[in-house]
Amino acid sequence: MGRLNAFQIYKLLPKTNCKECGESTCMAFATKLLNQERKLDECPILLESKYQANYEQLKELLAPAEGALETGITLDEDLCTGCGNCVVACPPNARVCDACKGGSGPDPSNDKIIFRVLDSKAKIVNLKICRRYEPPITNCRICEMYCPTRAIEILR
């Protein structure tokens, strides 16, 4: 199915624009669900028995996002080979680490980086400097783009 988007969520909502969830439209609610700003149970109409199948399908679609970090980043250590691409490709890492900017790994004492390779696996050590977290928030996906094994995925 590819990357989840608001329209995929919207198609499974009641599409009544009843505003009972507090949003002006079902599409607005779908967007908030995608961004984890709202919960599925906040749509009272979706809880009615005639929408049970859609509710279950939405729960399944939204489940992977529950394990994501605040920025939507997931890191599957089973898929990670420890190549370090995420470490050197990450713009905030390059901003705070000259070694990363030069294409090599950071000094072990540098705790101001997002990604580090430890025990042959990438680890997220400081999410607070991520461009998806720190204002002004951007839709940066560079770590995901440079991960050859798709161990890094951004869910929203």
Protein backbone atom coordinates (compact mmCIF):
# COMPACT_ATOMS: atom_id res chain seq x y z
CA MET A 1 0.00 0.00 0.00
CA GLY A 2 2.94 2.36 0.47
CA ARG A 3 3.17 5.22 2.92
CA LEU A 4 -0.05 5.94 4.83
CA ASN A 5 -1.72 9.24 3.97
CA ALA A 6 -4.74 11.19 5.20
CA PHE A 7 -6.87 10.26 2.20
CA GLN A 8 -6.49 6.53 2.94
CA ILE A 9 -7.74 7.21 6.46
CA TYR A 10 -10.53 9.50 5.23
CA LYS A 11 -11.91 6.81 2.91
CA LEU A 12 -12.62 4.63 5.96
CA LEU A 13 -14.22 7.37 8.06
CA PRO A 14 -18.02 7.93 8.03
CA LYS A 15 -17.61 11.09 5.89
CA THR A 16 -20.56 12.82 7.58
CA ASN A 17 -18.68 15.97 8.63
CA CYS A 18 -20.81 15.90 11.80
CA LYS A 19 -18.19 17.77 13.87
CA GLU A 20 -18.85 15.48 16.86
CA CYS A 21 -15.11 14.80 17.04
CA GLY A 22 -14.41 18.52 17.34
CA GLU A 23 -12.99 18.89 13.84
CA SER A 24 -14.71 20.80 11.03
CA THR A 25 -14.56 17.89 8.55
CA CYS A 26 -13.78 14.20 8.42
CA MET A 27 -10.73 15.03 6.28
CA ALA A 28 -9.44 17.33 9.04
CA PHE A 29 -9.97 14.48 11.53
CA ALA A 30 -8.13 12.09 9.18
CA THR A 31 -5.17 14.45 9.03
CA LYS A 32 -5.10 14.74 12.82
CA LEU A 33 -5.23 10.93 13.12
CA LEU A 34 -2.30 10.63 10.73
CA ASN A 35 -0.30 13.12 12.79
CA GLN A 36 -1.28 11.37 16.04
CA GLU A 37 -2.99 14.52 17.28
CA ARG A 38 -6.32 12.72 17.73
CA LYS A 39 -7.42 9.19 18.68
CA LEU A 40 -9.65 6.95 16.59
CA ASP A 41 -12.16 6.59 19.44
CA GLU A 42 -12.81 10.34 19.31
CA CYS A 43 -15.13 9.81 16.32
CA PRO A 44 -18.39 8.67 17.97
CA ILE A 45 -20.03 7.73 14.67
CA LEU A 46 -17.15 5.40 13.80
CA LEU A 47 -17.92 3.49 17.01
CA GLU A 48 -21.41 2.58 15.75
CA SER A 49 -21.87 -1.06 14.74
CA LYS A 50 -22.34 -0.32 11.02
CA TYR A 51 -18.79 1.12 10.88
CA GLN A 52 -17.19 -1.72 12.88
CA ALA A 53 -15.30 -3.13 9.87
CA ASN A 54 -13.93 0.32 8.97
CA TYR A 55 -12.96 0.93 12.61
CA GLU A 56 -11.01 -2.34 12.74
CA GLN A 57 -9.31 -1.57 9.43
CA LEU A 58 -8.34 1.91 10.67
CA LYS A 59 -6.95 0.46 13.89
CA GLU A 60 -4.77 -1.84 11.83
CA LEU A 61 -3.63 0.96 9.49
CA LEU A 62 -2.77 3.30 12.37
CA ALA A 63 -1.10 0.68 14.59
CA PRO A 64 2.47 1.07 13.21
CA ALA A 65 2.44 4.78 14.04
CA GLU A 66 1.87 3.95 17.71
CA GLY A 67 5.42 2.59 17.96
CA ALA A 68 6.96 5.60 16.24
CA LEU A 69 8.86 8.28 18.06
CA GLU A 70 7.42 11.79 18.38
CA THR A 71 8.81 12.68 14.98
CA GLY A 72 7.28 9.67 13.25
CA ILE A 73 10.67 7.97 12.90
CA THR A 74 10.95 4.24 13.43
CA LEU A 75 14.24 2.38 13.44
CA ASP A 76 14.10 -1.38 12.93
CA GLU A 77 17.34 -2.71 14.38
CA ASP A 78 16.71 -6.12 12.80
CA LEU A 79 16.97 -4.53 9.34
CA CYS A 80 19.87 -2.22 10.25
CA THR A 81 23.33 -3.25 9.06
CA GLY A 82 25.16 -0.47 10.88
CA CYS A 83 26.35 1.11 7.62
CA GLY A 84 26.27 4.59 9.17
CA ASN A 85 24.60 6.33 6.23
CA CYS A 86 22.03 7.86 8.57
CA VAL A 87 24.81 9.26 10.76
CA VAL A 88 26.63 11.09 7.97
CA ALA A 89 23.58 12.02 5.85
CA CYS A 90 21.64 13.65 8.70
CA PRO A 91 21.86 17.46 8.33
CA PRO A 92 21.58 18.16 12.10
CA ASN A 93 24.37 15.64 12.74
CA ALA A 94 26.56 17.52 10.24
CA ARG A 95 25.64 20.80 11.91
CA VAL A 96 26.97 19.68 15.30
CA CYS A 97 29.66 17.18 14.31
CA ASP A 98 32.60 17.98 12.03
CA ALA A 99 33.45 14.28 11.68
CA CYS A 100 29.91 13.56 10.39
CA LYS A 101 30.21 16.48 7.99
CA GLY A 102 33.41 14.90 6.69
CA GLY A 103 31.72 11.53 6.15
CA SER A 104 32.96 9.61 9.16
CA GLY A 105 31.51 8.65 12.51
CA PRO A 106 31.22 11.01 15.46
CA ASP A 107 33.47 11.11 18.46
CA PRO A 108 32.00 8.71 21.08
CA SER A 109 31.73 11.56 23.57
CA ASN A 110 29.55 13.66 21.23
CA ASP A 111 26.01 13.41 22.64
CA LYS A 112 24.61 16.20 20.47
CA ILE A 113 23.93 13.99 17.45
CA ILE A 114 20.74 12.19 16.47
CA PHE A 115 22.15 8.94 15.09
CA ARG A 116 25.12 6.87 16.25
CA VAL A 117 26.22 3.34 15.37
CA LEU A 118 26.67 1.20 18.47
CA ASP A 119 27.30 -2.55 18.43
CA SER A 120 26.90 -2.60 14.62
CA LYS A 121 23.41 -1.08 14.74
CA ALA A 122 22.20 2.49 14.33
CA LYS A 123 20.68 4.02 17.43
CA ILE A 124 18.75 7.24 17.92
CA VAL A 125 20.50 8.98 20.78
CA ASN A 126 19.24 12.58 20.67
CA LEU A 127 15.94 13.13 18.94
CA LYS A 128 15.63 16.70 20.20
CA ILE A 129 17.81 18.12 17.40
CA CYS A 130 15.91 16.38 14.58
CA ARG A 131 14.49 18.79 12.00
CA ARG A 132 11.17 16.97 12.39
CA TYR A 133 11.18 17.85 16.10
CA GLU A 134 13.03 21.10 16.67
CA PRO A 135 11.25 24.27 15.43
CA PRO A 136 11.00 25.29 12.71
CA ILE A 137 9.74 21.77 12.02
CA THR A 138 10.47 20.50 8.52
CA ASN A 139 9.40 17.36 6.70
CA CYS A 140 12.98 16.09 6.49
CA ARG A 141 13.29 12.49 5.31
CA ILE A 142 17.02 12.34 4.57
CA CYS A 143 17.82 9.55 7.05
CA GLU A 144 15.04 7.45 5.53
CA MET A 145 16.19 8.18 1.96
CA TYR A 146 19.81 7.17 2.64
CA CYS A 147 19.02 3.97 4.56
CA PRO A 148 19.78 1.16 2.08
CA THR A 149 17.94 -1.52 4.08
CA ARG A 150 14.85 0.58 4.88
CA ALA A 151 15.50 0.14 8.58
CA ILE A 152 14.55 3.79 9.06
CA GLU A 153 11.00 4.66 8.18
CA ILE A 154 9.12 7.88 8.75
CA LEU A 155 5.47 7.09 9.29
CA ARG A 156 4.04 10.59 9.07
